[in-house]
PDB file of N, CA and C in Angstrom:
ATOM      1  N   MET A   1      -7.363 -99.966 -65.817  1.00  0.00           N
ATOM      2  CA  MET A   1      -7.737-100.165 -67.219  1.00  0.00           C
ATOM      3  C   MET A   1      -6.657 -99.624 -68.156  1.00  0.00           C
ATOM      4  N   LYS A   2      -6.049 -98.497 -67.826  1.00  0.00           N
ATOM      5  CA  LYS A   2      -5.030 -97.930 -68.708  1.00  0.00           C
ATOM      6  C   LYS A   2      -3.809 -98.828 -68.780  1.00  0.00           C
ATOM      7  N   ILE A   3      -3.465 -99.449 -67.667  1.00  0.00           N
ATOM      8  CA  ILE A   3      -2.306-100.320 -67.640  1.00  0.00           C
ATOM      9  C   ILE A   3      -2.574-101.553 -68.513  1.00  0.00           C
ATOM     10  N   ARG A   4      -3.778-102.100 -68.391  1.00  0.00           N
ATOM     11  CA  ARG A   4      -4.146-103.268 -69.187  1.00  0.00           C
ATOM     12  C   ARG A   4      -4.117-102.919 -70.678  1.00  0.00           C
ATOM     13  N   SER A   5      -4.651-101.795 -71.063  1.00  0.00           N
ATOM     14  CA  SER A   5      -4.614-101.358 -72.463  1.00  0.00           C
ATOM     15  C   SER A   5      -3.189-101.188 -72.955  1.00  0.00           C
ATOM     16  N   SER A   6      -2.358-100.602 -72.133  1.00  0.00           N
ATOM     17  CA  SER A   6      -0.951-100.407 -72.510  1.00  0.00           C
ATOM     18  C   SER A   6      -0.248-101.750 -72.702  1.00  0.00           C
ATOM     19  N   LEU A   7      -0.523-102.701 -71.829  1.00  0.00           N
ATOM     20  CA  LEU A   7       0.096-104.028 -71.952  1.00  0.00           C
ATOM     21  C   LEU A   7      -0.389-104.744 -73.210  1.00  0.00           C
ATOM     22  N   ILE A   8      -1.643-104.594 -73.537  1.00  0.00           N
ATOM     23  CA  ILE A   8      -2.181-105.209 -74.755  1.00  0.00           C
ATOM     24  C   ILE A   8      -1.527-104.600 -75.980  1.00  0.00           C
ATOM     25  N   ILE A   9      -1.374-103.290 -75.987  1.00  0.00           N
ATOM     26  CA  ILE A   9      -0.739-102.617 -77.125  1.00  0.00           C
ATOM     27  C   ILE A   9       0.728-103.037 -77.222  1.00  0.00           C
ATOM     28  N   ALA A  10       1.435-103.073 -76.111  1.00  0.00           N
ATOM     29  CA  ALA A  10       2.841-103.487 -76.100  1.00  0.00           C
ATOM     30  C   ALA A  10       2.971-104.919 -76.600  1.00  0.00           C
ATOM     31  N   GLY A  11       2.092-105.789 -76.160  1.00  0.00           N
ATOM     32  CA  GLY A  11       2.113-107.181 -76.618  1.00  0.00           C
ATOM     33  C   GLY A  11       1.865-107.295 -78.101  1.00  0.00           C
ATOM     34  N   ALA A  12       0.950-106.488 -78.620  1.00  0.00           N
ATOM     35  CA  ALA A  12       0.655-106.503 -80.062  1.00  0.00           C
ATOM     36  C   ALA A  12       1.862-106.033 -80.868  1.00  0.00           C
ATOM     37  N   ILE A  13       2.513-105.006 -80.382  1.00  0.00           N
ATOM     38  CA  ILE A  13       3.701-104.488 -81.087  1.00  0.00           C
ATOM     39  C   ILE A  13       4.814-105.542 -81.112  1.00  0.00           C
ATOM     40  N   ILE A  14       5.035-106.184 -80.013  1.00  0.00           N
ATOM     41  CA  ILE A  14       6.061-107.240 -79.945  1.00  0.00           C
ATOM     42  C   ILE A  14       5.688-108.396 -80.850  1.00  0.00           C
ATOM     43  N   THR A  15       4.431-108.777 -80.816  1.00  0.00           N
ATOM     44  CA  THR A  15       3.968-109.893 -81.630  1.00  0.00           C
ATOM     45  C   THR A  15       4.174-109.637 -83.116  1.00  0.00           C
ATOM     46  N   VAL A  16       3.952-108.405 -83.545  1.00  0.00           N
ATOM     47  CA  VAL A  16       4.113-108.052 -84.958  1.00  0.00           C
ATOM     48  C   VAL A  16       5.570-107.840 -85.319  1.00  0.00           C
ATOM     49  N   SER A  17       6.348-107.212 -84.461  1.00  0.00           N
ATOM     50  CA  SER A  17       7.707-106.847 -84.820  1.00  0.00           C
ATOM     51  C   SER A  17       8.666-108.027 -84.852  1.00  0.00           C
ATOM     52  N   CYS A  18       8.494-109.014 -84.009  1.00  0.00           N
ATOM     53  CA  CYS A  18       9.417-110.154 -83.977  1.00  0.00           C
ATOM     54  C   CYS A  18       9.401-110.944 -85.284  1.00  0.00           C
ATOM     55  N   PRO A  19       8.257-111.358 -85.810  1.00  0.00           N
ATOM     56  CA  PRO A  19       8.250-112.085 -87.087  1.00  0.00           C
ATOM     57  C   PRO A  19       8.783-111.230 -88.248  1.00  0.00           C
ATOM     58  N   VAL A  20       8.537-109.937 -88.222  1.00  0.00           N
ATOM     59  CA  VAL A  20       9.034-109.078 -89.295  1.00  0.00           C
ATOM     60  C   VAL A  20      10.552-109.023 -89.264  1.00  0.00           C
ATOM     61  N   ALA A  21      11.134-108.889 -88.094  1.00  0.00           N
ATOM     62  CA  ALA A  21      12.604-108.863 -87.973  1.00  0.00           C
ATOM     63  C   ALA A  21      13.176-110.205 -88.396  1.00  0.00           C
ATOM     64  N   GLN A  22      12.543-111.288 -87.972  1.00  0.00           N
ATOM     65  CA  GLN A  22      13.036-112.620 -88.331  1.00  0.00           C
ATOM     66  C   GLN A  22      12.949-112.828 -89.843  1.00  0.00           C
ATOM     67  N   ALA A  23      11.897-112.399 -90.476  1.00  0.00           N
ATOM     68  CA  ALA A  23      11.756-112.549 -91.921  1.00  0.00           C
ATOM     69  C   ALA A  23      12.815-111.739 -92.653  1.00  0.00           C
ATOM     70  N   ALA A  24      13.134-110.577 -92.161  1.00  0.00           N
ATOM     71  CA  ALA A  24      14.189-109.765 -92.775  1.00  0.00           C
ATOM     72  C   ALA A  24      15.533-110.457 -92.687  1.00  0.00           C
ATOM     73  N   GLU A  25      15.828-111.048 -91.533  1.00  0.00           N
ATOM     74  CA  GLU A  25      17.093-111.772 -91.361  1.00  0.00           C
ATOM     75  C   GLU A  25      17.144-113.004 -92.264  1.00  0.00           C
ATOM     76  N   GLU A  26      16.037-113.732 -92.363  1.00  0.00           N
ATOM     77  CA  GLU A  26      16.005-114.914 -93.220  1.00  0.00           C
ATOM     78  C   GLU A  26      16.144-114.528 -94.698  1.00  0.00           C
ATOM     79  N   GLY A  27      15.524-113.419 -95.095  1.00  0.00           N
ATOM     80  CA  GLY A  27      15.643-112.939 -96.465  1.00  0.00           C
ATOM     81  C   GLY A  27      17.067-112.628 -96.823  1.00  0.00           C
ATOM     82  N   ASP A  28      17.787-111.947 -95.933  1.00  0.00           N
ATOM     83  CA  ASP A  28      19.204-111.650 -96.169  1.00  0.00           C
ATOM     84  C   ASP A  28      20.021-112.918 -96.290  1.00  0.00           C
ATOM     85  N   GLN A  29      19.731-113.892 -95.422  1.00  0.00           N
ATOM     86  CA  GLN A  29      20.492-115.142 -95.447  1.00  0.00           C
ATOM     87  C   GLN A  29      20.182-115.907 -96.719  1.00  0.00           C
ATOM     88  N   GLN A  30      18.941-115.931 -97.160  1.00  0.00           N
ATOM     89  CA  GLN A  30      18.577-116.658 -98.364  1.00  0.00           C
ATOM     90  C   GLN A  30      19.222-116.013 -99.600  1.00  0.00           C
ATOM     91  N   LYS A  31      19.304-114.691 -99.623  1.00  0.00           N
ATOM     92  CA  LYS A  31      19.959-114.009-100.732  1.00  0.00           C
ATOM     93  C   LYS A  31      21.422-114.390-100.818  1.00  0.00           C
ATOM     94  N   LYS A  32      22.098-114.506 -99.675  1.00  0.00           N
ATOM     95  CA  LYS A  32      23.510-114.871 -99.662  1.00  0.00           C
ATOM     96  C   LYS A  32      23.718-116.317-100.106  1.00  0.00           C
ATOM     97  N   GLU A  33      22.761-117.204 -99.798  1.00  0.00           N
ATOM     98  CA  GLU A  33      22.899-118.598-100.101  1.00  0.00           C
ATOM     99  C   GLU A  33      22.525-118.940-101.552  1.00  0.00           C
ATOM    100  N   SER A  34      21.847-118.061-102.254  1.00  0.00           N
ATOM    101  CA  SER A  34      21.415-118.326-103.607  1.00  0.00           C
ATOM    102  C   SER A  34      22.593-118.316-104.568  1.00  0.00           C
ATOM    103  N   LYS A  35      23.025-119.507-104.987  1.00  0.00           N
ATOM    104  CA  LYS A  35      24.157-119.608-105.882  1.00  0.00           C
ATOM    105  C   LYS A  35      23.745-120.050-107.268  1.00  0.00           C
ATOM    106  N   THR A  36      22.546-120.566-107.403  1.00  0.00           N
ATOM    107  CA  THR A  36      22.037-120.978-108.717  1.00  0.00           C
ATOM    108  C   THR A  36      20.691-120.293-108.931  1.00  0.00           C
ATOM    109  N   TYR A  37      20.310-120.258-110.191  1.00  0.00           N
ATOM    110  CA  TYR A  37      19.019-119.658-110.526  1.00  0.00           C
ATOM    111  C   TYR A  37      17.871-120.419-109.832  1.00  0.00           C
ATOM    112  N   GLU A  38      17.958-121.741-109.827  1.00  0.00           N
ATOM    113  CA  GLU A  38      16.894-122.543-109.201  1.00  0.00           C
ATOM    114  C   GLU A  38      16.781-122.236-107.714  1.00  0.00           C
ATOM    115  N   LYS A  39      17.913-122.130-107.024  1.00  0.00           N
ATOM    116  CA  LYS A  39      17.883-121.820-105.589  1.00  0.00           C
ATOM    117  C   LYS A  39      17.349-120.407-105.372  1.00  0.00           C
ATOM    118  N   CYS A  40      17.685-119.499-106.251  1.00  0.00           N
ATOM    119  CA  CYS A  40      17.217-118.111-106.145  1.00  0.00           C
ATOM    120  C   CYS A  40      15.680-118.068-106.266  1.00  0.00           C
ATOM    121  N   VAL A  41      15.152-118.778-107.233  1.00  0.00           N
ATOM    122  CA  VAL A  41      13.675-118.803-107.447  1.00  0.00           C
ATOM    123  C   VAL A  41      13.006-119.521-106.276  1.00  0.00           C
ATOM    124  N   LEU A  42      13.590-120.600-105.795  1.00  0.00           N
ATOM    125  CA  LEU A  42      13.031-121.307-104.642  1.00  0.00           C
ATOM    126  C   LEU A  42      13.001-120.403-103.416  1.00  0.00           C
ATOM    127  N   ALA A  43      14.074-119.663-103.186  1.00  0.00           N
ATOM    128  CA  ALA A  43      14.126-118.739-102.045  1.00  0.00           C
ATOM    129  C   ALA A  43      13.066-117.665-102.210  1.00  0.00           C
ATOM    130  N   ALA A  44      12.857-117.180-103.439  1.00  0.00           N
ATOM    131  CA  ALA A  44      11.824-116.167-103.691  1.00  0.00           C
ATOM    132  C   ALA A  44      10.441-116.727-103.361  1.00  0.00           C
ATOM    133  N   SER A  45      10.175-117.967-103.707  1.00  0.00           N
ATOM    134  CA  SER A  45       8.862-118.547-103.436  1.00  0.00           C
ATOM    135  C   SER A  45       8.642-118.783-101.954  1.00  0.00           C
ATOM    136  N   GLN A  46       9.713-119.042-101.220  1.00  0.00           N
ATOM    137  CA  GLN A  46       9.597-119.287 -99.777  1.00  0.00           C
ATOM    138  C   GLN A  46       9.397-118.019 -98.985  1.00  0.00           C
ATOM    139  N   ARG A  47       9.910-116.904 -99.436  1.00  0.00           N
ATOM    140  CA  ARG A  47       9.832-115.696 -98.632  1.00  0.00           C
ATOM    141  C   ARG A  47       8.716-114.746 -99.050  1.00  0.00           C
ATOM    142  N   ASN A  48       8.029-115.025-100.144  1.00  0.00           N
ATOM    143  CA  ASN A  48       6.998-114.100-100.632  1.00  0.00           C
ATOM    144  C   ASN A  48       5.613-114.746-100.574  1.00  0.00           C
ATOM    145  N   ILE A  49       4.671-114.008-100.013  1.00  0.00           N
ATOM    146  CA  ILE A  49       3.301-114.475 -99.952  1.00  0.00           C
ATOM    147  C   ILE A  49       2.529-113.938-101.164  1.00  0.00           C
ATOM    148  N   LYS A  50       2.810-112.743-101.531  1.00  0.00           N
ATOM    149  CA  LYS A  50       2.089-112.112-102.641  1.00  0.00           C
ATOM    150  C   LYS A  50       2.786-112.413-103.967  1.00  0.00           C
ATOM    151  N   TRP A  51       1.991-112.719-104.987  1.00  0.00           N
ATOM    152  CA  TRP A  51       2.526-113.047-106.290  1.00  0.00           C
ATOM    153  C   TRP A  51       3.288-111.892-106.888  1.00  0.00           C
ATOM    154  N   THR A  52       2.838-110.663-106.679  1.00  0.00           N
ATOM    155  CA  THR A  52       3.517-109.530-107.280  1.00  0.00           C
ATOM    156  C   THR A  52       4.955-109.387-106.780  1.00  0.00           C
ATOM    157  N   GLN A  53       5.179-109.622-105.494  1.00  0.00           N
ATOM    158  CA  GLN A  53       6.546-109.548-104.954  1.00  0.00           C
ATOM    159  C   GLN A  53       7.384-110.718-105.425  1.00  0.00           C
ATOM    160  N   TYR A  54       6.753-111.887-105.518  1.00  0.00           N
ATOM    161  CA  TYR A  54       7.449-113.080-106.031  1.00  0.00           C
ATOM    162  C   TYR A  54       7.938-112.801-107.460  1.00  0.00           C
ATOM    163  N   ARG A  55       7.058-112.216-108.278  1.00  0.00           N
ATOM    164  CA  ARG A  55       7.428-111.906-109.676  1.00  0.00           C
ATOM    165  C   ARG A  55       8.625-110.965-109.713  1.00  0.00           C
ATOM    166  N   VAL A  56       8.640-109.951-108.851  1.00  0.00           N
ATOM    167  CA  VAL A  56       9.779-109.023-108.813  1.00  0.00           C
ATOM    168  C   VAL A  56      11.063-109.751-108.442  1.00  0.00           C
ATOM    169  N   ASP A  57      10.974-110.628-107.440  1.00  0.00           N
ATOM    170  CA  ASP A  57      12.172-111.374-107.020  1.00  0.00           C
ATOM    171  C   ASP A  57      12.648-112.345-108.091  1.00  0.00           C
ATOM    172  N   VAL A  58      11.710-112.983-108.793  1.00  0.00           N
ATOM    173  CA  VAL A  58      12.109-113.892-109.879  1.00  0.00           C
ATOM    174  C   VAL A  58      12.777-113.101-111.013  1.00  0.00           C
ATOM    175  N   ASN A  59      12.263-111.938-111.303  1.00  0.00           N
ATOM    176  CA  ASN A  59      12.896-111.101-112.333  1.00  0.00           C
ATOM    177  C   ASN A  59      14.287-110.656-111.892  1.00  0.00           C
ATOM    178  N   ASN A  60      14.472-110.397-110.591  1.00  0.00           N
ATOM    179  CA  ASN A  60      15.805-110.081-110.061  1.00  0.00           C
ATOM    180  C   ASN A  60      16.735-111.284-110.198  1.00  0.00           C
ATOM    181  N   CYS A  61      16.206-112.481-109.960  1.00  0.00           N
ATOM    182  CA  CYS A  61      16.991-113.713-110.146  1.00  0.00           C
ATOM    183  C   CYS A  61      17.415-113.844-111.610  1.00  0.00           C
ATOM    184  N   ARG A  62      16.483-113.601-112.512  1.00  0.00           N
ATOM    185  CA  ARG A  62      16.803-113.685-113.937  1.00  0.00           C
ATOM    186  C   ARG A  62      17.908-112.700-114.313  1.00  0.00           C
ATOM    187  N   ALA A  63      17.825-111.502-113.797  1.00  0.00           N
ATOM    188  CA  ALA A  63      18.847-110.485-114.070  1.00  0.00           C
ATOM    189  C   ALA A  63      20.189-110.909-113.483  1.00  0.00           C
ATOM    190  N   GLU A  64      20.155-111.434-112.276  1.00  0.00           N
ATOM    191  CA  GLU A  64      21.391-111.833-111.591  1.00  0.00           C
ATOM    192  C   GLU A  64      22.111-112.969-112.338  1.00  0.00           C
ATOM    193  N   PHE A  65      21.342-113.885-112.915  1.00  0.00           N
ATOM    194  CA  PHE A  65      21.975-115.048-113.563  1.00  0.00           C
ATOM    195  C   PHE A  65      21.946-114.937-115.091  1.00  0.00           C
ATOM    196  N   GLY A  66      21.597-113.777-115.623  1.00  0.00           N
ATOM    197  CA  GLY A  66      21.684-113.537-117.059  1.00  0.00           C
ATOM    198  C   GLY A  66      20.657-114.286-117.896  1.00  0.00           C
ATOM    199  N   ILE A  67      19.498-114.525-117.333  1.00  0.00           N
ATOM    200  CA  ILE A  67      18.433-115.213-118.068  1.00  0.00           C
ATOM    201  C   ILE A  67      17.510-114.149-118.650  1.00  0.00           C
ATOM    202  N   GLN A  68      17.299-114.222-119.958  1.00  0.00           N
ATOM    203  CA  GLN A  68      16.511-113.181-120.636  1.00  0.00           C
ATOM    204  C   GLN A  68      15.025-113.379-120.375  1.00  0.00           C
ATOM    205  N   GLY A  69      14.297-112.293-120.514  1.00  0.00           N
ATOM    206  CA  GLY A  69      12.858-112.298-120.374  1.00  0.00           C
ATOM    207  C   GLY A  69      12.387-111.885-119.001  1.00  0.00           C
ATOM    208  N   ASP A  70      11.091-111.682-118.892  1.00  0.00           N
ATOM    209  CA  ASP A  70      10.449-111.312-117.646  1.00  0.00           C
ATOM    210  C   ASP A  70       9.433-112.378-117.280  1.00  0.00           C
ATOM    211  N   TYR A  71       9.212-112.499-115.985  1.00  0.00           N
ATOM    212  CA  TYR A  71       8.194-113.444-115.484  1.00  0.00           C
ATOM    213  C   TYR A  71       6.877-112.779-115.431  1.00  0.00           C
TER     214      TYR A  71
END
């Protein structure tokens, strides 16, 4: 029973950690590829599930491309 529990826990950790690492890599790549404001906002919408984080990223895009105001 202890071995089975350990395997389940190890599987859960791997299942959670792989998508997180992949998302981090994709986020870095998307930031490098963002050359226009529109691409920056599109990348923000693709990588964020929560509206609050999307808003932060859009405001960062506005600052990066010199667009006044907040989202």
